[in-house]
Amino acid sequence: MDLHQKITELKKKKNAVILAHYYQVPEIQEVADYVGDSLGLSQKAAETDAEIIVFAGVHFMAETAKILNPSKKVLLPDLMAGCSLADSCPADVFQKLVEAHPDHVVITYVNCSAEVKALSDIICTSSNAEKIVNSVPKDVPIIFAPDKNLGKYIQKKTGRKMLLWDGACIVHEAFSMDKLLKLYKENPGSKIIAHPESESHILETATYVGSTAGMIDYVKKHPTEKFIVATEAGILHKMQQEVPQAILIPAPAEEDNTCACSECAFMKMNTLQKLYDCLLNESPQIEVSEEIRKKAILPIERMLELSK
């Protein structure tokens, strides 16, 4: 049997579910039970009745699944699969900001550690950030962390002035404006679609700005058009499956790499072999202390309730 078949059989035998982010390599997406964005993955993690959750993504995503499912085993194929955005917001430093502004509602983007979630009032994703911010009364000040680019975009959309943490995703800050405009000129009639973690000058070029799931939905509504896609290039696999007639071009990165696009090295640390090994050995497991979990689950549950 090949690895795909072995994983499928092992998954049934162990009553496991595999959740994969859109940015995972295609072979992992193909073997997953559910492929989605952070909101969709959080919702699936909350709903699953599987005994084991294999999270093919990065560390904060698996932590979220563990927070929602304390009695289940949550596995991450590679424990070193972290996140540059989450790393930009150390919990001890963030705590000082929160304590210095006790009158502020703390909204944190899901791309953060369990400890930072535990310091928050509401979690958000790129899918629901605008809705979450609008749920806070206009006379109540807001701290928004850790993504300054998403924060700036939501400020513009809502008209709310927020205190922004100075964090960013290195993948979404890697796009080259000059190369993007050159590519756009070379592809007349194309539309630029972008993730709101990108910098403001990239977002200003876009016909559509939204989450990974939102971008896929937008392309599905225009199935025969040409798109330059400004997010991590892993999304192109699922997007092309959903809309086979669309022409999809990854937005170019500043630095040349294997695909001249923007890729997350952390997301690509997970492999099919590592996924099989972690399911076989039921390791490495994600653990969250009960003290942190009890605090962190409250803002996640508020998000899930507001997202219904």
C-alpha atoms as a PDB file:
ATOM      1  CA  MET A   1       0.000   0.000   0.000  1.00  0.00           C
ATOM      2  CA  ASP A   2       1.085   3.572  -0.544  1.00  0.00           C
ATOM      3  CA  LEU A   3       1.160   6.093   2.289  1.00  0.00           C
ATOM      4  CA  HIS A   4      -2.226   7.555   1.344  1.00  0.00           C
ATOM      5  CA  GLN A   5      -3.883   4.129   1.695  1.00  0.00           C
ATOM      6  CA  LYS A   6      -2.023   3.376   4.919  1.00  0.00           C
ATOM      7  CA  ILE A   7      -3.164   6.677   6.455  1.00  0.00           C
ATOM      8  CA  THR A   8      -6.763   6.078   5.363  1.00  0.00           C
ATOM      9  CA  GLU A   9      -6.814   2.600   6.962  1.00  0.00           C
ATOM     10  CA  LEU A  10      -5.057   3.750  10.128  1.00  0.00           C
ATOM     11  CA  LYS A  11      -7.451   6.678  10.455  1.00  0.00           C
ATOM     12  CA  LYS A  12     -10.469   4.326  10.428  1.00  0.00           C
ATOM     13  CA  LYS A  13      -8.834   1.860  12.811  1.00  0.00           C
ATOM     14  CA  LYS A  14      -8.000   4.573  15.355  1.00  0.00           C
ATOM     15  CA  ASN A  15     -11.188   6.659  14.944  1.00  0.00           C
ATOM     16  CA  ALA A  16      -9.090   9.644  13.921  1.00  0.00           C
ATOM     17  CA  VAL A  17      -9.944  12.725  11.904  1.00  0.00           C
ATOM     18  CA  ILE A  18      -7.442  14.659   9.802  1.00  0.00           C
ATOM     19  CA  LEU A  19      -7.917  18.415   9.569  1.00  0.00           C
ATOM     20  CA  ALA A  20      -5.746  20.278   7.069  1.00  0.00           C
ATOM     21  CA  HIS A  21      -5.229  23.931   6.287  1.00  0.00           C
ATOM     22  CA  TYR A  22      -5.412  25.188   2.696  1.00  0.00           C
ATOM     23  CA  TYR A  23      -1.675  25.949   2.857  1.00  0.00           C
ATOM     24  CA  GLN A  24      -0.666  22.304   3.331  1.00  0.00           C
ATOM     25  CA  VAL A  25       1.035  20.381   0.516  1.00  0.00           C
ATOM     26  CA  PRO A  26      -1.453  18.827  -1.977  1.00  0.00           C
ATOM     27  CA  GLU A  27      -0.881  15.209  -0.876  1.00  0.00           C
ATOM     28  CA  ILE A  28      -1.880  16.102   2.695  1.00  0.00           C
ATOM     29  CA  GLN A  29      -4.960  17.961   1.506  1.00  0.00           C
ATOM     30  CA  GLU A  30      -5.929  14.876  -0.504  1.00  0.00           C
ATOM     31  CA  VAL A  31      -5.878  12.552   2.514  1.00  0.00           C
ATOM     32  CA  ALA A  32      -7.612  14.997   4.914  1.00  0.00           C
ATOM     33  CA  ASP A  33     -11.215  14.639   6.068  1.00  0.00           C
ATOM     34  CA  TYR A  34     -11.634  18.393   6.020  1.00  0.00           C
ATOM     35  CA  VAL A  35      -9.600  21.143   4.345  1.00  0.00           C
ATOM     36  CA  GLY A  36     -10.329  24.705   5.360  1.00  0.00           C
ATOM     37  CA  ASP A  37      -9.322  28.037   6.839  1.00  0.00           C
ATOM     38  CA  SER A  38      -8.838  28.874  10.504  1.00  0.00           C
ATOM     39  CA  LEU A  39     -12.542  29.464  11.238  1.00  0.00           C
ATOM     40  CA  GLY A  40     -13.704  26.330   9.441  1.00  0.00           C
ATOM     41  CA  LEU A  41     -11.007  24.245  11.103  1.00  0.00           C
ATOM     42  CA  SER A  42     -11.927  25.614  14.552  1.00  0.00           C
ATOM     43  CA  GLN A  43     -15.578  24.762  13.938  1.00  0.00           C
ATOM     44  CA  LYS A  44     -14.737  21.234  12.762  1.00  0.00           C
ATOM     45  CA  ALA A  45     -12.452  20.728  15.758  1.00  0.00           C
ATOM     46  CA  ALA A  46     -15.322  21.737  18.066  1.00  0.00           C
ATOM     47  CA  GLU A  47     -17.774  19.343  16.353  1.00  0.00           C
ATOM     48  CA  THR A  48     -15.706  16.193  15.891  1.00  0.00           C
ATOM     49  CA  ASP A  49     -16.530  12.967  17.719  1.00  0.00           C
ATOM     50  CA  ALA A  50     -13.223  11.347  16.701  1.00  0.00           C
ATOM     51  CA  GLU A  51     -10.950  10.147  19.495  1.00  0.00           C
ATOM     52  CA  ILE A  52      -7.831  11.477  17.772  1.00  0.00           C
ATOM     53  CA  ILE A  53      -7.429  14.777  15.890  1.00  0.00           C
ATOM     54  CA  VAL A  54      -4.477  14.984  13.527  1.00  0.00           C
ATOM     55  CA  PHE A  55      -3.968  18.662  12.763  1.00  0.00           C
ATOM     56  CA  ALA A  56      -2.078  19.187   9.526  1.00  0.00           C
ATOM     57  CA  GLY A  57      -1.316  22.835  10.020  1.00  0.00           C
ATOM     58  CA  VAL A  58       0.780  24.819  12.463  1.00  0.00           C
ATOM     59  CA  HIS A  59       1.148  24.807  16.235  1.00  0.00           C
ATOM     60  CA  PHE A  60      -1.446  27.450  17.187  1.00  0.00           C
ATOM     61  CA  MET A  61      -4.111  25.626  15.132  1.00  0.00           C
ATOM     62  CA  ALA A  62      -3.476  22.336  16.911  1.00  0.00           C
ATOM     63  CA  GLU A  63      -3.505  24.188  20.252  1.00  0.00           C
ATOM     64  CA  THR A  64      -6.942  25.594  19.390  1.00  0.00           C
ATOM     65  CA  ALA A  65      -8.199  22.077  18.669  1.00  0.00           C
ATOM     66  CA  LYS A  66      -6.821  20.880  22.025  1.00  0.00           C
ATOM     67  CA  ILE A  67      -8.422  23.789  23.876  1.00  0.00           C
ATOM     68  CA  LEU A  68     -11.782  22.800  22.359  1.00  0.00           C
ATOM     69  CA  ASN A  69     -11.206  19.056  22.890  1.00  0.00           C
ATOM     70  CA  PRO A  70      -9.294  18.551  26.160  1.00  0.00           C
ATOM     71  CA  SER A  71     -10.169  14.842  26.427  1.00  0.00           C
ATOM     72  CA  LYS A  72      -9.037  13.974  22.885  1.00  0.00           C
ATOM     73  CA  LYS A  73      -5.553  13.323  21.596  1.00  0.00           C
ATOM     74  CA  VAL A  74      -4.459  16.144  19.302  1.00  0.00           C
ATOM     75  CA  LEU A  75      -1.459  15.391  17.107  1.00  0.00           C
ATOM     76  CA  LEU A  76       0.713  17.692  14.984  1.00  0.00           C
ATOM     77  CA  PRO A  77       2.872  15.946  12.344  1.00  0.00           C
ATOM     78  CA  ASP A  78       5.847  18.227  13.080  1.00  0.00           C
ATOM     79  CA  LEU A  79       6.035  19.930  16.475  1.00  0.00           C
ATOM     80  CA  MET A  80       8.347  22.586  15.009  1.00  0.00           C
ATOM     81  CA  ALA A  81       5.658  23.829  12.601  1.00  0.00           C
ATOM     82  CA  GLY A  82       5.203  27.247  14.163  1.00  0.00           C
ATOM     83  CA  CYS A  83       3.988  30.619  12.889  1.00  0.00           C
ATOM     84  CA  SER A  84       5.897  33.862  12.354  1.00  0.00           C
ATOM     85  CA  LEU A  85       2.798  35.892  13.236  1.00  0.00           C
ATOM     86  CA  ALA A  86       2.144  34.019  16.484  1.00  0.00           C
ATOM     87  CA  ASP A  87       5.845  34.332  17.376  1.00  0.00           C
ATOM     88  CA  SER A  88       5.635  38.117  16.925  1.00  0.00           C
ATOM     89  CA  CYS A  89       3.383  38.350  19.996  1.00  0.00           C
ATOM     90  CA  PRO A  90       5.053  36.919  23.141  1.00  0.00           C
ATOM     91  CA  ALA A  91       2.460  36.419  25.887  1.00  0.00           C
ATOM     92  CA  ASP A  92       4.472  38.121  28.652  1.00  0.00           C
ATOM     93  CA  VAL A  93       4.943  41.298  26.595  1.00  0.00           C
ATOM     94  CA  PHE A  94       1.333  41.257  25.395  1.00  0.00           C
ATOM     95  CA  GLN A  95       0.107  40.912  28.983  1.00  0.00           C
ATOM     96  CA  LYS A  96       1.788  44.206  29.885  1.00  0.00           C
ATOM     97  CA  LEU A  97      -0.100  45.978  27.073  1.00  0.00           C
ATOM     98  CA  VAL A  98      -3.414  44.461  28.189  1.00  0.00           C
ATOM     99  CA  GLU A  99      -2.819  45.411  31.830  1.00  0.00           C
ATOM    100  CA  ALA A 100      -1.915  48.966  30.796  1.00  0.00           C
ATOM    101  CA  HIS A 101      -5.320  49.347  29.055  1.00  0.00           C
ATOM    102  CA  PRO A 102      -7.889  47.745  31.397  1.00  0.00           C
ATOM    103  CA  ASP A 103     -10.805  49.588  29.736  1.00  0.00           C
ATOM    104  CA  HIS A 104     -10.106  48.019  26.301  1.00  0.00           C
ATOM    105  CA  VAL A 105     -11.798  44.946  24.841  1.00  0.00           C
ATOM    106  CA  VAL A 106      -9.036  42.600  23.669  1.00  0.00           C
ATOM    107  CA  ILE A 107      -9.646  41.011  20.253  1.00  0.00           C
ATOM    108  CA  THR A 108      -6.934  38.660  19.068  1.00  0.00           C
ATOM    109  CA  TYR A 109      -6.579  37.012  15.708  1.00  0.00           C
ATOM    110  CA  VAL A 110      -6.570  33.214  15.993  1.00  0.00           C
ATOM    111  CA  ASN A 111      -2.930  33.166  14.793  1.00  0.00           C
ATOM    112  CA  CYS A 112      -1.562  33.421  18.337  1.00  0.00           C
ATOM    113  CA  SER A 113      -0.495  31.155  21.185  1.00  0.00           C
ATOM    114  CA  ALA A 114      -2.829  29.614  23.758  1.00  0.00           C
ATOM    115  CA  GLU A 115      -1.325  31.973  26.361  1.00  0.00           C
ATOM    116  CA  VAL A 116      -2.231  35.035  24.277  1.00  0.00           C
ATOM    117  CA  LYS A 117      -5.737  33.664  23.696  1.00  0.00           C
ATOM    118  CA  ALA A 118      -6.056  33.331  27.477  1.00  0.00           C
ATOM    119  CA  LEU A 119      -5.434  37.107  27.774  1.00  0.00           C
ATOM    120  CA  SER A 120      -8.169  37.910  25.244  1.00  0.00           C
ATOM    121  CA  ASP A 121     -11.873  38.742  25.358  1.00  0.00           C
ATOM    122  CA  ILE A 122     -12.765  37.513  21.854  1.00  0.00           C
ATOM    123  CA  ILE A 123     -10.836  35.598  19.193  1.00  0.00           C
ATOM    124  CA  CYS A 124     -11.369  36.350  15.496  1.00  0.00           C
ATOM    125  CA  THR A 125     -10.279  34.974  12.135  1.00  0.00           C
ATOM    126  CA  SER A 126      -9.862  36.795   8.838  1.00  0.00           C
ATOM    127  CA  SER A 127     -13.337  35.459   7.915  1.00  0.00           C
ATOM    128  CA  ASN A 128     -15.123  37.084  10.821  1.00  0.00           C
ATOM    129  CA  ALA A 129     -12.829  39.886  12.076  1.00  0.00           C
ATOM    130  CA  GLU A 130     -15.101  42.651  10.755  1.00  0.00           C
ATOM    131  CA  LYS A 131     -18.157  41.055  12.392  1.00  0.00           C
ATOM    132  CA  ILE A 132     -16.329  40.559  15.694  1.00  0.00           C
ATOM    133  CA  VAL A 133     -15.100  44.170  15.804  1.00  0.00           C
ATOM    134  CA  ASN A 134     -18.590  45.448  14.950  1.00  0.00           C
ATOM    135  CA  SER A 135     -20.017  43.397  17.844  1.00  0.00           C
ATOM    136  CA  VAL A 136     -18.187  45.651  20.317  1.00  0.00           C
ATOM    137  CA  PRO A 137     -20.094  48.840  21.260  1.00  0.00           C
ATOM    138  CA  LYS A 138     -18.684  51.885  19.467  1.00  0.00           C
ATOM    139  CA  ASP A 139     -17.817  53.685  22.706  1.00  0.00           C
ATOM    140  CA  VAL A 140     -15.642  50.788  23.944  1.00  0.00           C
ATOM    141  CA  PRO A 141     -11.944  50.969  22.929  1.00  0.00           C
ATOM    142  CA  ILE A 142     -10.319  47.902  21.353  1.00  0.00           C
ATOM    143  CA  ILE A 143      -6.894  46.294  21.411  1.00  0.00           C
ATOM    144  CA  PHE A 144      -6.387  44.278  18.211  1.00  0.00           C
ATOM    145  CA  ALA A 145      -3.524  41.792  18.007  1.00  0.00           C
ATOM    146  CA  PRO A 146      -1.257  40.433  16.697  1.00  0.00           C
ATOM    147  CA  ASP A 147      -1.628  41.229  12.958  1.00  0.00           C
ATOM    148  CA  LYS A 148      -1.205  44.947  12.206  1.00  0.00           C
ATOM    149  CA  ASN A 149      -2.096  44.492   8.510  1.00  0.00           C
ATOM    150  CA  LEU A 150      -5.395  42.757   9.249  1.00  0.00           C
ATOM    151  CA  GLY A 151      -5.994  45.353  11.967  1.00  0.00           C
ATOM    152  CA  LYS A 152      -5.451  48.261   9.556  1.00  0.00           C
ATOM    153  CA  TYR A 153      -7.760  46.639   7.014  1.00  0.00           C
ATOM    154  CA  ILE A 154     -10.521  46.122   9.613  1.00  0.00           C
ATOM    155  CA  GLN A 155     -10.097  49.707  10.866  1.00  0.00           C
ATOM    156  CA  LYS A 156     -10.694  50.915   7.333  1.00  0.00           C
ATOM    157  CA  LYS A 157     -13.728  48.635   6.878  1.00  0.00           C
ATOM    158  CA  THR A 158     -15.379  49.482  10.201  1.00  0.00           C
ATOM    159  CA  GLY A 159     -14.219  53.036  10.845  1.00  0.00           C
ATOM    160  CA  ARG A 160     -13.098  51.939  14.319  1.00  0.00           C
ATOM    161  CA  LYS A 161      -9.856  53.269  15.770  1.00  0.00           C
ATOM    162  CA  MET A 162      -8.047  50.381  17.450  1.00  0.00           C
ATOM    163  CA  LEU A 163      -4.816  49.980  19.368  1.00  0.00           C
ATOM    164  CA  LEU A 164      -2.858  47.636  17.065  1.00  0.00           C
ATOM    165  CA  TRP A 165      -0.121  45.209  18.066  1.00  0.00           C
ATOM    166  CA  ASP A 166       2.888  45.481  15.764  1.00  0.00           C
ATOM    167  CA  GLY A 167       2.938  41.920  14.393  1.00  0.00           C
ATOM    168  CA  ALA A 168       2.852  40.470  10.890  1.00  0.00           C
ATOM    169  CA  CYS A 169       3.081  37.284   8.837  1.00  0.00           C
ATOM    170  CA  ILE A 170       6.366  37.083   6.924  1.00  0.00           C
ATOM    171  CA  VAL A 171       4.647  35.187   4.093  1.00  0.00           C
ATOM    172  CA  HIS A 172       2.067  37.917   3.470  1.00  0.00           C
ATOM    173  CA  GLU A 173       4.681  40.662   3.769  1.00  0.00           C
ATOM    174  CA  ALA A 174       6.857  38.997   1.131  1.00  0.00           C
ATOM    175  CA  PHE A 175       4.857  40.076  -1.916  1.00  0.00           C
ATOM    176  CA  SER A 176       6.658  42.376  -4.354  1.00  0.00           C
ATOM    177  CA  MET A 177       4.594  45.368  -5.473  1.00  0.00           C
ATOM    178  CA  ASP A 178       6.759  45.937  -8.562  1.00  0.00           C
ATOM    179  CA  LYS A 179       6.595  42.290  -9.620  1.00  0.00           C
ATOM    180  CA  LEU A 180       2.852  42.183  -8.920  1.00  0.00           C
ATOM    181  CA  LEU A 181       2.136  45.202 -11.138  1.00  0.00           C
ATOM    182  CA  LYS A 182       4.381  43.780 -13.866  1.00  0.00           C
ATOM    183  CA  LEU A 183       2.544  40.461 -13.693  1.00  0.00           C
ATOM    184  CA  TYR A 184      -0.800  42.273 -13.812  1.00  0.00           C
ATOM    185  CA  LYS A 185       0.251  44.146 -16.973  1.00  0.00           C
ATOM    186  CA  GLU A 186       1.367  40.866 -18.539  1.00  0.00           C
ATOM    187  CA  ASN A 187      -2.071  39.374 -17.850  1.00  0.00           C
ATOM    188  CA  PRO A 188      -4.660  41.880 -19.092  1.00  0.00           C
ATOM    189  CA  GLY A 189      -8.136  41.335 -17.731  1.00  0.00           C
ATOM    190  CA  SER A 190      -6.889  39.457 -14.683  1.00  0.00           C
ATOM    191  CA  LYS A 191      -8.162  40.187 -11.166  1.00  0.00           C
ATOM    192  CA  ILE A 192      -5.962  40.444  -8.082  1.00  0.00           C
ATOM    193  CA  ILE A 193      -7.413  38.780  -4.990  1.00  0.00           C
ATOM    194  CA  ALA A 194      -5.636  39.128  -1.657  1.00  0.00           C
ATOM    195  CA  HIS A 195      -5.635  37.962   1.951  1.00  0.00           C
ATOM    196  CA  PRO A 196      -5.997  40.800   4.514  1.00  0.00           C
ATOM    197  CA  GLU A 197      -2.746  39.779   6.232  1.00  0.00           C
ATOM    198  CA  SER A 198      -1.038  41.406   3.226  1.00  0.00           C
ATOM    199  CA  GLU A 199       0.286  44.948   3.411  1.00  0.00           C
ATOM    200  CA  SER A 200      -2.024  47.880   2.616  1.00  0.00           C
ATOM    201  CA  HIS A 201      -0.409  48.725  -0.739  1.00  0.00           C
ATOM    202  CA  ILE A 202      -1.037  45.140  -1.931  1.00  0.00           C
ATOM    203  CA  LEU A 203      -4.659  45.221  -0.719  1.00  0.00           C
ATOM    204  CA  GLU A 204      -5.258  48.477  -2.591  1.00  0.00           C
ATOM    205  CA  THR A 205      -4.533  46.691  -5.891  1.00  0.00           C
ATOM    206  CA  ALA A 206      -7.058  43.922  -5.190  1.00  0.00           C
ATOM    207  CA  THR A 207     -10.518  43.453  -6.667  1.00  0.00           C
ATOM    208  CA  TYR A 208     -11.371  41.226  -3.716  1.00  0.00           C
ATOM    209  CA  VAL A 209      -9.885  40.985  -0.205  1.00  0.00           C
ATOM    210  CA  GLY A 210     -10.848  38.129   2.076  1.00  0.00           C
ATOM    211  CA  SER A 211      -9.980  34.967   3.964  1.00  0.00           C
ATOM    212  CA  THR A 212      -8.739  31.866   2.176  1.00  0.00           C
ATOM    213  CA  ALA A 213     -12.271  30.431   2.152  1.00  0.00           C
ATOM    214  CA  GLY A 214     -13.623  33.787   0.971  1.00  0.00           C
ATOM    215  CA  MET A 215     -11.117  33.926  -1.874  1.00  0.00           C
ATOM    216  CA  ILE A 216     -12.145  30.457  -3.046  1.00  0.00           C
ATOM    217  CA  ASP A 217     -15.819  31.450  -2.920  1.00  0.00           C
ATOM    218  CA  TYR A 218     -15.075  34.593  -4.937  1.00  0.00           C
ATOM    219  CA  VAL A 219     -13.293  32.618  -7.658  1.00  0.00           C
ATOM    220  CA  LYS A 220     -16.202  30.129  -7.754  1.00  0.00           C
ATOM    221  CA  LYS A 221     -18.505  33.037  -8.613  1.00  0.00           C
ATOM    222  CA  HIS A 222     -16.256  33.940 -11.577  1.00  0.00           C
ATOM    223  CA  PRO A 223     -15.237  30.468 -12.776  1.00  0.00           C
ATOM    224  CA  THR A 224     -13.844  31.341 -16.205  1.00  0.00           C
ATOM    225  CA  GLU A 225     -11.713  34.343 -15.297  1.00  0.00           C
ATOM    226  CA  LYS A 226      -8.009  34.849 -14.577  1.00  0.00           C
ATOM    227  CA  PHE A 227      -6.784  35.580 -11.043  1.00  0.00           C
ATOM    228  CA  ILE A 228      -3.524  36.657  -9.448  1.00  0.00           C
ATOM    229  CA  VAL A 229      -3.718  35.188  -5.953  1.00  0.00           C
ATOM    230  CA  ALA A 230      -1.954  37.066  -3.140  1.00  0.00           C
ATOM    231  CA  THR A 231      -1.746  34.575  -0.321  1.00  0.00           C
ATOM    232  CA  GLU A 232       0.304  31.471   0.489  1.00  0.00           C
ATOM    233  CA  ALA A 233       0.557  29.424  -2.710  1.00  0.00           C
ATOM    234  CA  GLY A 234      -0.814  26.235  -1.117  1.00  0.00           C
ATOM    235  CA  ILE A 235      -4.345  27.550  -1.629  1.00  0.00           C
ATOM    236  CA  LEU A 236      -4.032  27.106  -5.401  1.00  0.00           C
ATOM    237  CA  HIS A 237      -4.476  23.324  -5.127  1.00  0.00           C
ATOM    238  CA  LYS A 238      -7.959  23.435  -3.600  1.00  0.00           C
ATOM    239  CA  MET A 239      -8.921  26.537  -5.577  1.00  0.00           C
ATOM    240  CA  GLN A 240      -8.080  24.836  -8.887  1.00  0.00           C
ATOM    241  CA  GLN A 241     -10.024  21.728  -7.843  1.00  0.00           C
ATOM    242  CA  GLU A 242     -13.069  23.840  -7.046  1.00  0.00           C
ATOM    243  CA  VAL A 243     -12.790  25.999 -10.175  1.00  0.00           C
ATOM    244  CA  PRO A 244     -10.962  23.959 -12.849  1.00  0.00           C
ATOM    245  CA  GLN A 245     -11.621  26.472 -15.654  1.00  0.00           C
ATOM    246  CA  ALA A 246     -10.167  29.471 -13.839  1.00  0.00           C
ATOM    247  CA  ILE A 247      -6.613  30.573 -14.596  1.00  0.00           C
ATOM    248  CA  LEU A 248      -4.751  30.964 -11.294  1.00  0.00           C
ATOM    249  CA  ILE A 249      -1.410  32.722 -10.931  1.00  0.00           C
ATOM    250  CA  PRO A 250       0.408  33.009  -7.581  1.00  0.00           C
ATOM    251  CA  ALA A 251       1.380  36.560  -6.649  1.00  0.00           C
ATOM    252  CA  PRO A 252       5.180  36.991  -6.846  1.00  0.00           C
ATOM    253  CA  ALA A 253       7.410  37.288  -3.807  1.00  0.00           C
ATOM    254  CA  GLU A 254      10.297  39.733  -3.378  1.00  0.00           C
ATOM    255  CA  GLU A 255      12.858  36.964  -3.188  1.00  0.00           C
ATOM    256  CA  ASP A 256      13.182  34.237  -5.781  1.00  0.00           C
ATOM    257  CA  ASN A 257      12.450  30.744  -4.508  1.00  0.00           C
ATOM    258  CA  THR A 258      11.370  27.423  -5.980  1.00  0.00           C
ATOM    259  CA  CYS A 259       8.041  28.719  -7.275  1.00  0.00           C
ATOM    260  CA  ALA A 260       8.733  32.508  -7.296  1.00  0.00           C
ATOM    261  CA  CYS A 261       5.641  32.728  -5.063  1.00  0.00           C
ATOM    262  CA  SER A 262       5.140  33.200  -1.340  1.00  0.00           C
ATOM    263  CA  GLU A 263       5.284  29.971   0.658  1.00  0.00           C
ATOM    264  CA  CYS A 264       5.147  29.317   4.402  1.00  0.00           C
ATOM    265  CA  ALA A 265       8.123  27.195   5.415  1.00  0.00           C
ATOM    266  CA  PHE A 266       6.310  26.237   8.636  1.00  0.00           C
ATOM    267  CA  MET A 267       3.228  24.926   6.806  1.00  0.00           C
ATOM    268  CA  LYS A 268       5.455  22.944   4.462  1.00  0.00           C
ATOM    269  CA  MET A 269       7.245  21.213   7.360  1.00  0.00           C
ATOM    270  CA  ASN A 270       4.391  18.713   7.534  1.00  0.00           C
ATOM    271  CA  THR A 271       4.751  15.816   5.081  1.00  0.00           C
ATOM    272  CA  LEU A 272       2.686  12.737   4.287  1.00  0.00           C
ATOM    273  CA  GLN A 273       5.325  10.538   5.938  1.00  0.00           C
ATOM    274  CA  LYS A 274       5.279  12.662   9.127  1.00  0.00           C
ATOM    275  CA  LEU A 275       1.473  12.548   9.115  1.00  0.00           C
ATOM    276  CA  TYR A 276       1.521   8.741   8.905  1.00  0.00           C
ATOM    277  CA  ASP A 277       4.196   8.444  11.586  1.00  0.00           C
ATOM    278  CA  CYS A 278       2.381  10.720  14.032  1.00  0.00           C
ATOM    279  CA  LEU A 279      -0.881   8.808  13.572  1.00  0.00           C
ATOM    280  CA  LEU A 280       0.873   5.435  13.922  1.00  0.00           C
ATOM    281  CA  ASN A 281       2.796   6.458  17.060  1.00  0.00           C
ATOM    282  CA  GLU A 282       0.152   8.909  18.346  1.00  0.00           C
ATOM    283  CA  SER A 283       2.940  11.430  18.786  1.00  0.00           C
ATOM    284  CA  PRO A 284       3.848  14.267  18.989  1.00  0.00           C
ATOM    285  CA  GLN A 285       0.859  15.292  21.070  1.00  0.00           C
ATOM    286  CA  ILE A 286      -0.228  18.866  21.754  1.00  0.00           C
ATOM    287  CA  GLU A 287      -0.716  19.708  25.413  1.00  0.00           C
ATOM    288  CA  VAL A 288      -2.251  22.839  26.963  1.00  0.00           C
ATOM    289  CA  SER A 289      -2.334  23.354  30.735  1.00  0.00           C
ATOM    290  CA  GLU A 290      -5.801  23.294  32.258  1.00  0.00           C
ATOM    291  CA  GLU A 291      -5.318  26.782  33.717  1.00  0.00           C
ATOM    292  CA  ILE A 292      -4.559  28.273  30.295  1.00  0.00           C
ATOM    293  CA  ARG A 293      -7.192  26.141  28.553  1.00  0.00           C
ATOM    294  CA  LYS A 294     -10.026  27.337  30.818  1.00  0.00           C
ATOM    295  CA  LYS A 295      -9.127  30.970  30.116  1.00  0.00           C
ATOM    296  CA  ALA A 296      -8.465  30.486  26.391  1.00  0.00           C
ATOM    297  CA  ILE A 297     -11.655  28.583  25.618  1.00  0.00           C
ATOM    298  CA  LEU A 298     -13.906  31.494  26.631  1.00  0.00           C
ATOM    299  CA  PRO A 299     -12.870  33.940  23.847  1.00  0.00           C
ATOM    300  CA  ILE A 300     -12.861  31.073  21.306  1.00  0.00           C
ATOM    301  CA  GLU A 301     -16.419  30.102  22.279  1.00  0.00           C
ATOM    302  CA  ARG A 302     -17.484  33.756  22.015  1.00  0.00           C
ATOM    303  CA  MET A 303     -16.088  33.793  18.461  1.00  0.00           C
ATOM    304  CA  LEU A 304     -17.840  30.544  17.504  1.00  0.00           C
ATOM    305  CA  GLU A 305     -21.135  31.848  18.912  1.00  0.00           C
ATOM    306  CA  LEU A 306     -20.836  35.153  17.029  1.00  0.00           C
ATOM    307  CA  SER A 307     -19.917  33.255  13.834  1.00  0.00           C
ATOM    308  CA  LYS A 308     -23.105  31.168  13.688  1.00  0.00           C
END
